[in-house]
Amino acid sequence: MAQLLVVGAGLFGSQAAALARARGIDATVFDPGLPGAASPAAAGLFQEAWAGRRWREHFVRALPVLDQLYGLRRVHLTHADGTPEELLFVPPAAILDSAPVRQSVTAVGDGWLEAGGRRHEGWVYVAAGVWSNQFVPDVNVYGKAGSAFVFAGERPGAIRPIAHGRQAIAFVRDPGTTHFSDGAAERHHTADHDRQSLERAAALGLTDPPLARLWGRRPYTPGGPVFRRIGARTWLATGGRKMGTILGASFARRLIEDELTSPST
């Protein structure tokens, strides 16, 4: 059986592995579980308007994959003036690989990787987020950090604009809790940024101390997200920014359907 070796168990890597398995390709995901991964903090919300003209093709390609693998859900939010807004939703908990190999990948080559002192051979998909530079230095990935917060209890969904393309959102991401995110993404994230986020959460009625702070560094690359072939049997995908769910699904489809199962592969 064909073997796909995935470096990184975030939204990009997990969706590639899931789609590969759905197409009859064996997939192994490697991830050491380092602190600062962005995907566990992701809200999992998206809509076509957020994709804009630039990312619309990815949005269209992603929806069938997301629906097939996880089932698209809808979240209903309310603006301050009572105007409703509906967003599409796939919870990160449904996407993130449940049993990655907890080993650091120490080297990647064309059609192989090394992890735990052992060499593995197959197709290789490097989807290591902010850690991608160690495998492909010229990609120039950098991180922008932010925090999301989890509060006890399930509250009605709410949305408030902060700036162009950025909103404060409270909704039930996981049962029994309310997830708050304001889209924070800073090269140098500080405690003051967290204070501002908690003030925005309080403005939406989330005034109790949070149960958890979810902190991570979103991967950015100059010029936008990257999907490219870096060898005959090796690919790289990173730089998802705030579009990890959509781009992860679109890139997974490109890898599995356009690359791995094409006649020339």
Protein backbone atom coordinates (compact mmCIF):
# COMPACT_ATOMS: atom_id res chain seq x y z
CA MET A 1 0.00 0.00 0.00
CA ALA A 2 1.18 3.55 -0.72
CA GLN A 3 2.46 5.41 2.35
CA LEU A 4 2.13 9.13 3.14
CA LEU A 5 4.41 10.54 5.85
CA VAL A 6 3.08 13.79 7.31
CA VAL A 7 5.23 16.18 9.33
CA GLY A 8 2.89 18.09 11.64
CA ALA A 9 -0.48 17.23 13.19
CA GLY A 10 -2.06 20.65 12.78
CA LEU A 11 -4.93 21.57 10.47
CA PHE A 12 -2.82 21.20 7.32
CA GLY A 13 -1.21 17.88 8.16
CA SER A 14 -4.25 16.29 9.79
CA GLN A 15 -6.53 17.03 6.84
CA ALA A 16 -4.00 15.66 4.36
CA ALA A 17 -3.73 12.45 6.39
CA ALA A 18 -7.52 12.12 6.72
CA LEU A 19 -8.12 12.63 3.01
CA ALA A 20 -5.33 10.20 2.14
CA ARG A 21 -6.89 7.51 4.32
CA ALA A 22 -10.29 8.18 2.77
CA ARG A 23 -8.68 7.53 -0.64
CA GLY A 24 -7.05 4.28 0.44
CA ILE A 25 -3.58 5.69 1.15
CA ASP A 26 -1.93 4.75 4.43
CA ALA A 27 -0.86 7.88 6.33
CA THR A 28 1.38 8.33 9.37
CA VAL A 29 1.51 11.68 11.13
CA PHE A 30 4.55 12.77 13.14
CA ASP A 31 4.23 15.55 15.73
CA PRO A 32 6.18 15.99 18.98
CA GLY A 33 3.49 18.18 20.54
CA LEU A 34 5.54 21.34 20.95
CA PRO A 35 3.98 24.32 22.76
CA GLY A 36 2.86 27.20 20.56
CA ALA A 37 1.06 25.22 17.87
CA ALA A 38 -1.71 27.40 16.44
CA SER A 39 -4.25 24.78 15.39
CA PRO A 40 -5.60 23.77 18.85
CA ALA A 41 -6.54 27.42 19.45
CA ALA A 42 -8.31 27.86 16.11
CA ALA A 43 -11.97 28.78 16.19
CA GLY A 44 -12.84 26.65 13.16
CA LEU A 45 -15.20 29.29 11.73
CA PHE A 46 -15.22 30.51 8.15
CA GLN A 47 -17.37 32.04 5.43
CA GLU A 48 -16.90 32.88 1.78
CA ALA A 49 -16.74 36.63 2.47
CA TRP A 50 -13.69 36.11 4.67
CA ALA A 51 -11.92 34.26 1.87
CA GLY A 52 -12.41 37.19 -0.48
CA ARG A 53 -11.55 37.11 -4.16
CA ARG A 54 -7.97 36.05 -3.51
CA TRP A 55 -8.81 32.84 -1.63
CA ARG A 56 -12.22 32.07 -3.14
CA GLU A 57 -10.90 29.19 -5.25
CA HIS A 58 -9.49 27.56 -2.12
CA PHE A 59 -12.80 28.08 -0.32
CA VAL A 60 -14.73 26.37 -3.12
CA ARG A 61 -12.27 23.45 -3.29
CA ALA A 62 -12.24 23.04 0.49
CA LEU A 63 -15.97 22.75 1.21
CA PRO A 64 -16.54 19.26 -0.31
CA VAL A 65 -13.50 17.90 1.55
CA LEU A 66 -14.58 19.37 4.87
CA ASP A 67 -18.13 18.14 4.43
CA GLN A 68 -17.05 14.65 3.43
CA LEU A 69 -14.49 14.18 6.17
CA TYR A 70 -16.10 16.00 9.11
CA GLY A 71 -19.52 17.36 8.17
CA LEU A 72 -20.06 21.09 7.79
CA ARG A 73 -21.91 22.73 10.65
CA ARG A 74 -23.43 26.19 11.03
CA VAL A 75 -23.00 28.64 13.86
CA HIS A 76 -25.47 31.47 14.42
CA LEU A 77 -24.06 34.69 15.85
CA THR A 78 -25.73 37.98 16.74
CA HIS A 79 -24.36 41.50 16.25
CA ALA A 80 -24.87 44.21 18.88
CA ASP A 81 -27.86 45.61 16.97
CA GLY A 82 -29.52 42.20 16.81
CA THR A 83 -28.54 41.43 13.22
CA PRO A 84 -27.92 37.70 12.80
CA GLU A 85 -24.92 36.24 11.01
CA GLU A 86 -24.32 32.62 10.04
CA LEU A 87 -20.86 31.09 9.74
CA LEU A 88 -19.72 27.67 8.65
CA PHE A 89 -17.90 25.63 11.27
CA VAL A 90 -15.76 22.55 11.68
CA PRO A 91 -14.40 22.11 15.22
CA PRO A 92 -10.63 21.66 15.36
CA ALA A 93 -11.15 18.71 17.70
CA ALA A 94 -12.80 16.86 14.80
CA ILE A 95 -9.87 17.59 12.47
CA LEU A 96 -6.68 17.25 14.50
CA ASP A 97 -5.17 13.79 14.20
CA SER A 98 -6.04 11.82 17.32
CA ALA A 99 -2.96 9.59 17.43
CA PRO A 100 0.12 11.13 15.84
CA VAL A 101 3.51 9.57 16.40
CA ARG A 102 4.95 11.69 19.20
CA GLN A 103 8.45 11.93 17.80
CA SER A 104 10.41 14.86 16.43
CA VAL A 105 11.27 14.61 12.76
CA THR A 106 15.00 15.33 12.65
CA ALA A 107 15.59 15.21 8.89
CA VAL A 108 13.58 15.24 5.67
CA GLY A 109 14.72 14.20 2.22
CA ASP A 110 13.14 13.31 -1.08
CA GLY A 111 10.76 10.51 -0.21
CA TRP A 112 12.02 9.89 3.32
CA LEU A 113 12.21 11.30 6.81
CA GLU A 114 13.97 10.42 10.03
CA ALA A 115 12.21 10.34 13.39
CA GLY A 116 13.10 8.63 16.63
CA GLY A 117 16.38 7.43 15.14
CA ARG A 118 14.59 5.55 12.37
CA ARG A 119 14.29 6.24 8.65
CA HIS A 120 10.83 6.08 7.06
CA GLU A 121 10.23 6.04 3.32
CA GLY A 122 7.20 7.11 1.30
CA TRP A 123 5.60 10.32 0.07
CA VAL A 124 6.46 13.17 2.46
CA TYR A 125 4.23 16.13 3.26
CA VAL A 126 5.89 18.82 5.38
CA ALA A 127 3.09 20.72 7.14
CA ALA A 128 4.99 21.85 10.21
CA GLY A 129 3.63 25.40 10.56
CA VAL A 130 6.07 27.80 12.19
CA TRP A 131 8.64 24.98 12.43
CA SER A 132 8.81 24.46 8.64
CA ASN A 133 12.00 26.51 8.33
CA GLN A 134 14.07 23.73 9.83
CA PHE A 135 13.22 21.54 6.84
CA VAL A 136 12.94 24.17 4.09
CA PRO A 137 14.90 27.26 5.24
CA ASP A 138 14.09 29.40 2.20
CA VAL A 139 10.36 29.37 2.90
CA ASN A 140 10.94 32.07 5.57
CA VAL A 141 8.04 31.16 7.84
CA TYR A 142 7.46 33.46 10.81
CA GLY A 143 4.88 33.33 13.58
CA LYS A 144 2.26 35.78 14.72
CA ALA A 145 0.98 34.88 18.16
CA GLY A 146 -2.40 35.30 19.77
CA SER A 147 -4.59 33.91 22.51
CA ALA A 148 -8.09 32.51 22.57
CA PHE A 149 -9.94 31.89 25.83
CA VAL A 150 -12.34 29.23 27.02
CA PHE A 151 -15.11 30.09 29.50
CA ALA A 152 -17.41 27.81 31.47
CA GLY A 153 -20.95 27.30 30.19
CA GLU A 154 -22.59 27.61 26.81
CA ARG A 155 -23.44 31.20 25.89
CA PRO A 156 -25.36 32.53 22.86
CA GLY A 157 -23.14 33.28 19.89
CA ALA A 158 -22.06 36.90 19.51
CA ILE A 159 -19.90 38.83 17.05
CA ARG A 160 -18.50 42.37 17.19
CA PRO A 161 -16.28 44.05 14.57
CA ILE A 162 -12.86 45.26 15.72
CA ALA A 163 -11.22 46.36 12.48
CA HIS A 164 -11.39 45.53 8.79
CA GLY A 165 -11.26 41.73 8.51
CA ARG A 166 -11.15 41.21 12.27
CA GLN A 167 -13.94 40.38 14.74
CA ALA A 168 -14.43 39.44 18.37
CA ILE A 169 -16.45 36.22 18.46
CA ALA A 170 -17.95 34.18 21.29
CA PHE A 171 -19.63 30.85 20.55
CA VAL A 172 -19.83 27.23 21.62
CA ARG A 173 -16.86 25.59 19.96
CA ASP A 174 -16.73 22.62 22.35
CA PRO A 175 -19.63 21.24 24.42
CA GLY A 176 -20.14 22.82 27.82
CA THR A 177 -17.93 25.84 27.19
CA THR A 178 -17.82 29.13 25.28
CA HIS A 179 -14.86 29.92 23.07
CA PHE A 180 -13.72 33.52 22.65
CA SER A 181 -11.37 34.81 19.97
CA ASP A 182 -10.59 38.29 18.71
CA GLY A 183 -8.25 37.27 15.91
CA ALA A 184 -5.13 38.51 17.69
CA ALA A 185 -1.95 37.91 15.67
CA GLU A 186 1.17 39.77 16.76
CA ARG A 187 4.85 39.28 15.98
CA HIS A 188 5.54 40.22 19.60
CA HIS A 189 2.56 39.14 21.67
CA THR A 190 2.52 40.48 25.23
CA ALA A 191 0.44 40.28 28.39
CA ASP A 192 -1.12 43.58 27.37
CA HIS A 193 -2.56 41.94 24.26
CA ASP A 194 -4.16 39.29 26.47
CA ARG A 195 -5.60 42.03 28.68
CA GLN A 196 -7.18 43.69 25.64
CA SER A 197 -8.63 40.35 24.52
CA LEU A 198 -10.17 39.71 27.93
CA GLU A 199 -11.69 43.20 27.91
CA ARG A 200 -13.33 42.39 24.58
CA ALA A 201 -14.56 39.09 26.01
CA ALA A 202 -16.07 40.94 29.00
CA ALA A 203 -17.89 43.26 26.59
CA LEU A 204 -19.61 40.13 25.23
CA GLY A 205 -20.66 39.07 28.74
CA LEU A 206 -17.75 36.73 29.46
CA THR A 207 -16.71 38.27 32.77
CA ASP A 208 -15.77 35.17 34.80
CA PRO A 209 -12.14 34.03 34.89
CA PRO A 210 -11.47 31.84 31.86
CA LEU A 211 -11.06 28.11 32.24
CA ALA A 212 -8.18 28.04 29.76
CA ARG A 213 -5.95 30.24 27.65
CA LEU A 214 -5.18 28.78 24.23
CA TRP A 215 -2.01 30.34 22.89
CA GLY A 216 -0.39 29.67 19.56
CA ARG A 217 1.69 31.12 16.73
CA ARG A 218 0.02 31.25 13.33
CA PRO A 219 2.43 30.62 10.45
CA TYR A 220 2.93 33.45 7.95
CA THR A 221 5.08 33.47 4.82
CA PRO A 222 6.05 36.41 2.59
CA GLY A 223 3.57 36.64 -0.26
CA GLY A 224 0.98 34.35 1.27
CA PRO A 225 0.41 30.65 1.91
CA VAL A 226 2.73 28.14 0.27
CA PHE A 227 2.07 24.79 -1.38
CA ARG A 228 4.90 23.49 -3.47
CA ARG A 229 6.66 20.35 -4.54
CA ILE A 230 10.21 20.30 -3.14
CA GLY A 231 11.21 16.89 -4.49
CA ALA A 232 9.92 14.06 -6.65
CA ARG A 233 8.17 12.59 -3.59
CA THR A 234 8.12 15.49 -1.14
CA TRP A 235 5.82 18.51 -0.73
CA LEU A 236 5.63 21.53 1.55
CA ALA A 237 2.55 23.41 2.76
CA THR A 238 2.57 26.21 5.31
CA GLY A 239 1.60 29.83 5.95
CA GLY A 240 -2.10 29.26 6.61
CA ARG A 241 -2.44 32.48 8.63
CA LYS A 242 -6.06 32.71 9.81
CA MET A 243 -7.35 30.44 7.03
CA GLY A 244 -5.94 27.14 8.26
CA THR A 245 -9.14 25.13 8.00
CA ILE A 246 -9.94 26.22 4.45
CA LEU A 247 -6.40 26.20 3.08
CA GLY A 248 -5.63 22.94 4.84
CA ALA A 249 -8.54 21.25 3.07
CA SER A 250 -7.75 22.83 -0.31
CA PHE A 251 -4.07 21.89 -0.10
CA ALA A 252 -4.97 18.36 1.05
CA ARG A 253 -7.15 17.98 -2.02
CA ARG A 254 -4.36 19.25 -4.24
CA LEU A 255 -1.86 16.85 -2.68
CA ILE A 256 -4.02 13.74 -2.69
CA GLU A 257 -6.15 14.22 -5.80
CA ASP A 258 -3.90 16.29 -8.07
CA GLU A 259 -0.45 15.05 -7.07
CA LEU A 260 -0.43 11.61 -5.45
CA THR A 261 -3.13 9.98 -7.52
CA SER A 262 -2.29 11.65 -10.83
CA PRO A 263 -0.98 9.39 -13.61
CA SER A 264 2.45 11.04 -13.53
CA THR A 265 3.07 10.38 -9.82
